[in-house]
């Protein structure tokens, strides 16, 4: 899925993000605001991921969104 679309519809994707990464708080989701780099950074903080791992997780999640009808 295109990150511009995710960013523009962030409020709709927040629930999906909370399901996938339950350690992220509402405040963190507000800060992320649909920005890919922010999401990866918060995953690094919350889950102890390396930068590469966080980016792979984010990309895999976004790719999965495109599969939905």
Protein backbone atom coordinates (compact mmCIF):
# COMPACT_ATOMS: atom_id res chain seq x y z
CA UNK A 1 0.00 0.00 0.00
CA UNK A 2 1.13 3.52 -0.78
CA UNK A 3 2.37 5.42 2.29
CA UNK A 4 0.63 8.60 1.15
CA UNK A 5 -2.64 6.71 1.38
CA UNK A 6 -1.75 5.30 4.81
CA UNK A 7 -0.78 8.74 6.07
CA UNK A 8 -3.93 10.33 4.65
CA UNK A 9 -6.15 7.69 6.24
CA UNK A 10 -4.17 7.16 9.42
CA UNK A 11 -7.19 7.27 11.72
CA UNK A 12 -8.63 4.29 9.85
CA UNK A 13 -5.37 2.32 10.04
CA UNK A 14 -4.68 2.98 13.73
CA UNK A 15 -6.81 0.05 14.89
CA UNK A 16 -4.97 -2.29 12.56
CA UNK A 17 -1.64 -1.02 13.89
CA UNK A 18 -2.81 -1.52 17.49
CA UNK A 19 -3.84 -5.12 16.65
CA UNK A 20 -0.44 -5.84 15.13
CA UNK A 21 1.70 -3.95 17.66
CA UNK A 22 -0.24 -3.78 20.92
CA UNK A 23 2.60 -2.19 22.86
CA UNK A 24 2.12 1.10 21.00
CA UNK A 25 0.06 3.61 22.95
CA UNK A 26 -2.55 6.01 21.63
CA UNK A 27 -0.13 8.86 22.28
CA UNK A 28 2.55 7.13 20.21
CA UNK A 29 0.04 6.52 17.41
CA UNK A 30 -0.81 10.24 17.48
CA UNK A 31 2.88 11.10 17.11
CA UNK A 32 3.34 8.59 14.29
CA UNK A 33 0.52 10.17 12.32
CA UNK A 34 0.91 7.69 9.46
CA UNK A 35 4.57 8.43 8.83
CA UNK A 36 6.58 5.32 7.96
CA UNK A 37 9.79 6.46 9.64
CA UNK A 38 7.96 7.40 12.83
CA UNK A 39 6.25 4.01 12.99
CA UNK A 40 9.55 2.18 12.47
CA UNK A 41 11.18 4.30 15.20
CA UNK A 42 8.40 3.63 17.70
CA UNK A 43 8.64 -0.10 16.95
CA UNK A 44 12.36 0.05 17.68
CA UNK A 45 11.64 1.69 21.04
CA UNK A 46 8.73 -0.52 22.06
CA UNK A 47 9.97 -3.89 20.79
CA UNK A 48 13.74 -3.49 20.74
CA UNK A 49 13.89 -4.09 16.99
CA UNK A 50 16.92 -3.10 14.97
CA UNK A 51 16.30 -0.37 12.43
CA UNK A 52 16.32 -2.90 9.58
CA UNK A 53 13.96 -5.24 11.37
CA UNK A 54 11.53 -2.43 12.19
CA UNK A 55 11.53 -1.28 8.57
CA UNK A 56 10.92 -4.85 7.34
CA UNK A 57 8.01 -5.22 9.78
CA UNK A 58 6.47 -1.94 8.64
CA UNK A 59 6.89 -2.82 4.96
CA UNK A 60 5.39 -6.29 5.47
CA UNK A 61 2.42 -4.76 7.30
CA UNK A 62 1.84 -2.15 4.58
CA UNK A 63 2.12 -4.80 1.85
CA UNK A 64 -0.52 -6.87 3.61
CA UNK A 65 -2.93 -3.93 3.55
CA UNK A 66 -2.96 -4.02 -0.25
CA UNK A 67 -4.26 -7.60 -0.18
CA UNK A 68 -7.54 -6.60 1.43
CA UNK A 69 -10.65 -5.97 -0.63
